[in-house]
């Protein structure tokens, strides 16, 4: 059940991140890429939060942090896609 919950939260975080930071033609789109964007964003937020001491070693990022992480991942993806 944890994996399914992570996918659902990741998808919602990815959709909200796309609404906050809509991109051009080089940005990822579609259900799968939006879900992956949100899941990677949650992992980025968890990693950064644990590195900065905001979260305990076995604690994951919250929903808002997952959205912030997804926006960060989207910005990095957009910067890399524009160069190519």
N, C-alpha and C. Protein backbone atom coordinates (compact mmCIF):
# COMPACT_ATOMS: atom_id res chain seq x y z
N UNK A 1 0.82 -1.20 0.00
CA UNK A 1 0.00 0.00 0.00
C UNK A 1 0.87 1.27 0.00
N UNK A 2 2.04 1.21 0.56
CA UNK A 2 2.91 2.37 0.63
C UNK A 2 3.34 2.85 -0.75
N UNK A 3 3.63 1.91 -1.65
CA UNK A 3 4.04 2.29 -3.01
C UNK A 3 2.89 2.98 -3.74
N UNK A 4 1.69 2.46 -3.60
CA UNK A 4 0.53 3.06 -4.26
C UNK A 4 0.29 4.46 -3.71
N UNK A 5 0.41 4.63 -2.39
CA UNK A 5 0.23 5.94 -1.78
C UNK A 5 1.29 6.92 -2.28
N UNK A 6 2.53 6.46 -2.40
CA UNK A 6 3.61 7.31 -2.91
C UNK A 6 3.32 7.74 -4.34
N UNK A 7 2.82 6.83 -5.16
CA UNK A 7 2.49 7.16 -6.54
C UNK A 7 1.35 8.18 -6.60
N UNK A 8 0.34 8.02 -5.75
CA UNK A 8 -0.78 8.96 -5.74
C UNK A 8 -0.32 10.34 -5.30
N UNK A 9 0.43 10.40 -4.20
CA UNK A 9 0.95 11.68 -3.72
C UNK A 9 1.91 12.29 -4.75
N UNK A 10 2.75 11.44 -5.35
CA UNK A 10 3.67 11.92 -6.38
C UNK A 10 2.94 12.51 -7.57
N UNK A 11 1.87 11.86 -8.00
CA UNK A 11 1.11 12.39 -9.12
C UNK A 11 0.48 13.74 -8.78
N UNK A 12 -0.12 13.83 -7.60
CA UNK A 12 -0.75 15.09 -7.19
C UNK A 12 0.30 16.20 -7.06
N UNK A 13 1.44 15.86 -6.46
CA UNK A 13 2.52 16.85 -6.32
C UNK A 13 3.04 17.27 -7.69
N UNK A 14 3.16 16.34 -8.63
CA UNK A 14 3.60 16.66 -9.98
C UNK A 14 2.62 17.56 -10.72
N UNK A 15 1.34 17.28 -10.56
CA UNK A 15 0.31 18.11 -11.22
C UNK A 15 0.34 19.53 -10.65
N UNK A 16 0.44 19.64 -9.34
CA UNK A 16 0.48 20.97 -8.73
C UNK A 16 1.75 21.71 -9.14
N UNK A 17 2.88 21.01 -9.21
CA UNK A 17 4.12 21.63 -9.66
C UNK A 17 3.99 22.12 -11.10
N UNK A 18 3.33 21.35 -11.96
CA UNK A 18 3.13 21.78 -13.35
C UNK A 18 2.21 23.00 -13.41
N UNK A 19 1.24 23.10 -12.49
CA UNK A 19 0.36 24.28 -12.46
C UNK A 19 1.12 25.51 -11.96
N UNK A 20 2.02 25.30 -11.00
CA UNK A 20 2.81 26.41 -10.46
C UNK A 20 3.80 26.91 -11.50
N UNK A 21 4.43 25.97 -12.20
CA UNK A 21 5.51 26.31 -13.13
C UNK A 21 5.25 25.66 -14.49
N UNK A 22 4.28 26.19 -15.25
CA UNK A 22 4.02 25.60 -16.56
C UNK A 22 5.20 25.84 -17.49
N UNK A 23 5.48 24.86 -18.31
CA UNK A 23 6.66 24.95 -19.16
C UNK A 23 6.29 25.06 -20.63
N UNK A 24 7.31 25.04 -21.41
CA UNK A 24 7.14 25.11 -22.86
C UNK A 24 7.04 23.73 -23.46
N UNK A 25 7.45 23.63 -24.70
CA UNK A 25 7.33 22.36 -25.42
C UNK A 25 8.37 21.33 -24.96
N UNK A 26 9.44 21.77 -24.29
CA UNK A 26 10.47 20.84 -23.84
C UNK A 26 10.20 20.26 -22.45
N UNK A 27 9.15 20.70 -21.80
CA UNK A 27 8.85 20.24 -20.45
C UNK A 27 8.13 18.89 -20.51
N UNK A 28 8.31 18.07 -19.48
CA UNK A 28 7.63 16.77 -19.47
C UNK A 28 6.12 16.95 -19.33
N UNK A 29 5.38 16.07 -19.98
CA UNK A 29 3.93 16.12 -19.88
C UNK A 29 3.40 14.69 -19.92
N UNK A 30 2.15 14.55 -19.61
CA UNK A 30 1.53 13.24 -19.59
C UNK A 30 1.48 12.67 -18.19
N UNK A 31 0.65 11.66 -18.03
CA UNK A 31 0.40 11.06 -16.73
C UNK A 31 1.65 10.44 -16.13
N UNK A 32 2.36 9.65 -16.91
CA UNK A 32 3.54 8.93 -16.40
C UNK A 32 4.64 9.91 -16.01
N UNK A 33 4.97 10.85 -16.89
CA UNK A 33 6.05 11.80 -16.60
C UNK A 33 5.69 12.73 -15.45
N UNK A 34 4.42 13.13 -15.34
CA UNK A 34 4.00 13.96 -14.23
C UNK A 34 4.11 13.21 -12.92
N UNK A 35 3.73 11.93 -12.92
CA UNK A 35 3.85 11.11 -11.73
C UNK A 35 5.31 10.93 -11.34
N UNK A 36 6.17 10.65 -12.32
CA UNK A 36 7.60 10.48 -12.05
C UNK A 36 8.18 11.79 -11.52
N UNK A 37 7.78 12.91 -12.09
CA UNK A 37 8.22 14.21 -11.62
C UNK A 37 7.89 14.41 -10.14
N UNK A 38 6.67 14.09 -9.76
CA UNK A 38 6.25 14.23 -8.36
C UNK A 38 6.98 13.29 -7.43
N UNK A 39 7.17 12.04 -7.85
CA UNK A 39 7.87 11.06 -7.02
C UNK A 39 9.33 11.46 -6.84
N UNK A 40 9.99 11.86 -7.92
CA UNK A 40 11.38 12.31 -7.82
C UNK A 40 11.45 13.57 -6.96
N UNK A 41 10.48 14.45 -7.09
CA UNK A 41 10.44 15.64 -6.25
C UNK A 41 10.31 15.31 -4.78
N UNK A 42 9.51 14.30 -4.46
CA UNK A 42 9.39 13.87 -3.06
C UNK A 42 10.71 13.32 -2.55
N UNK A 43 11.40 12.55 -3.38
CA UNK A 43 12.71 12.02 -2.97
C UNK A 43 13.73 13.13 -2.81
N UNK A 44 13.71 14.12 -3.70
CA UNK A 44 14.63 15.26 -3.59
C UNK A 44 14.36 16.03 -2.30
N UNK A 45 13.08 16.28 -2.02
CA UNK A 45 12.72 17.00 -0.79
C UNK A 45 13.12 16.22 0.45
N UNK A 46 12.95 14.91 0.43
CA UNK A 46 13.35 14.09 1.56
C UNK A 46 14.86 14.13 1.75
N UNK A 47 15.61 13.99 0.66
CA UNK A 47 17.07 14.01 0.74
C UNK A 47 17.58 15.36 1.26
N UNK A 48 17.06 16.45 0.68
CA UNK A 48 17.50 17.77 1.12
C UNK A 48 17.10 18.05 2.56
N UNK A 49 15.90 17.65 2.94
CA UNK A 49 15.43 17.85 4.31
C UNK A 49 16.26 17.08 5.32
N UNK A 50 16.63 15.85 4.99
CA UNK A 50 17.47 15.06 5.89
C UNK A 50 18.88 15.62 5.93
N UNK A 51 19.41 16.11 4.81
CA UNK A 51 20.75 16.67 4.78
C UNK A 51 20.83 17.97 5.59
N UNK A 52 19.75 18.74 5.59
CA UNK A 52 19.72 19.99 6.33
C UNK A 52 19.27 19.82 7.78
N UNK A 53 18.89 18.61 8.14
CA UNK A 53 18.47 18.33 9.52
C UNK A 53 17.02 18.63 9.81
N UNK A 54 16.22 18.87 8.79
CA UNK A 54 14.80 19.15 9.00
C UNK A 54 14.01 17.89 9.28
N UNK A 55 14.46 16.76 8.75
CA UNK A 55 13.77 15.48 8.93
C UNK A 55 14.71 14.49 9.59
N UNK A 56 14.12 13.58 10.34
CA UNK A 56 14.88 12.50 10.96
C UNK A 56 15.35 11.54 9.86
N UNK A 57 16.35 10.68 10.14
CA UNK A 57 16.86 9.77 9.10
C UNK A 57 15.80 8.88 8.45
N UNK A 58 14.79 8.46 9.18
CA UNK A 58 13.77 7.58 8.59
C UNK A 58 12.46 8.31 8.31
N UNK A 59 12.49 9.62 8.29
CA UNK A 59 11.30 10.42 8.08
C UNK A 59 11.27 10.95 6.65
N UNK A 60 10.13 10.88 6.01
CA UNK A 60 10.00 11.38 4.65
C UNK A 60 9.47 12.80 4.62
N UNK A 61 9.58 13.41 3.48
CA UNK A 61 9.09 14.78 3.30
C UNK A 61 7.57 14.79 3.27
N UNK A 62 7.00 15.91 3.63
CA UNK A 62 5.55 16.07 3.59
C UNK A 62 5.07 16.44 2.20
N UNK A 63 3.78 16.67 2.09
CA UNK A 63 3.15 16.94 0.80
C UNK A 63 3.65 18.26 0.21
N UNK A 64 3.71 19.30 1.03
CA UNK A 64 4.18 20.60 0.54
C UNK A 64 5.64 20.50 0.09
N UNK A 65 6.45 19.81 0.86
CA UNK A 65 7.85 19.64 0.49
C UNK A 65 7.97 18.84 -0.81
N UNK A 66 7.09 17.87 -1.02
CA UNK A 66 7.10 17.11 -2.27
C UNK A 66 6.79 18.01 -3.46
N UNK A 67 5.88 18.95 -3.27
CA UNK A 67 5.56 19.90 -4.34
C UNK A 67 6.77 20.80 -4.63
N UNK A 68 7.40 21.30 -3.56
CA UNK A 68 8.59 22.14 -3.73
C UNK A 68 9.70 21.34 -4.43
N UNK A 69 9.89 20.09 -4.02
CA UNK A 69 10.89 19.24 -4.68
C UNK A 69 10.56 19.01 -6.14
N UNK A 70 9.28 18.83 -6.46
CA UNK A 70 8.88 18.63 -7.85
C UNK A 70 9.12 19.90 -8.68
N UNK A 71 8.90 21.07 -8.08
CA UNK A 71 9.18 22.32 -8.79
C UNK A 71 10.68 22.44 -9.06
N UNK A 72 11.50 22.06 -8.07
CA UNK A 72 12.96 22.09 -8.25
C UNK A 72 13.37 21.15 -9.39
N UNK A 73 12.84 19.93 -9.39
CA UNK A 73 13.16 18.96 -10.44
C UNK A 73 12.70 19.48 -11.79
N UNK A 74 11.53 20.09 -11.85
CA UNK A 74 11.01 20.64 -13.10
C UNK A 74 11.90 21.78 -13.61
N UNK A 75 12.38 22.63 -12.71
CA UNK A 75 13.26 23.73 -13.12
C UNK A 75 14.58 23.19 -13.65
N UNK A 76 15.14 22.19 -13.00
CA UNK A 76 16.39 21.59 -13.47
C UNK A 76 16.18 20.92 -14.82
N UNK A 77 15.09 20.20 -14.97
CA UNK A 77 14.78 19.54 -16.24
C UNK A 77 14.63 20.58 -17.36
N UNK A 78 13.93 21.68 -17.06
CA UNK A 78 13.75 22.72 -18.07
C UNK A 78 15.05 23.36 -18.49
N UNK A 79 15.96 23.58 -17.52
CA UNK A 79 17.26 24.17 -17.84
C UNK A 79 18.10 23.23 -18.71
N UNK A 80 18.05 21.95 -18.42
CA UNK A 80 18.81 20.98 -19.21
C UNK A 80 18.19 20.83 -20.60
N UNK A 81 16.87 20.82 -20.70
CA UNK A 81 16.20 20.62 -21.99
C UNK A 81 16.44 21.82 -22.92
N UNK A 82 16.56 23.03 -22.37
CA UNK A 82 16.79 24.20 -23.20
C UNK A 82 18.19 24.20 -23.82
N UNK A 83 19.15 23.59 -23.12
CA UNK A 83 20.51 23.54 -23.64
C UNK A 83 20.65 22.59 -24.81
N UNK A 84 19.84 21.53 -24.79
CA UNK A 84 19.97 20.47 -25.81
C UNK A 84 19.32 20.76 -27.09
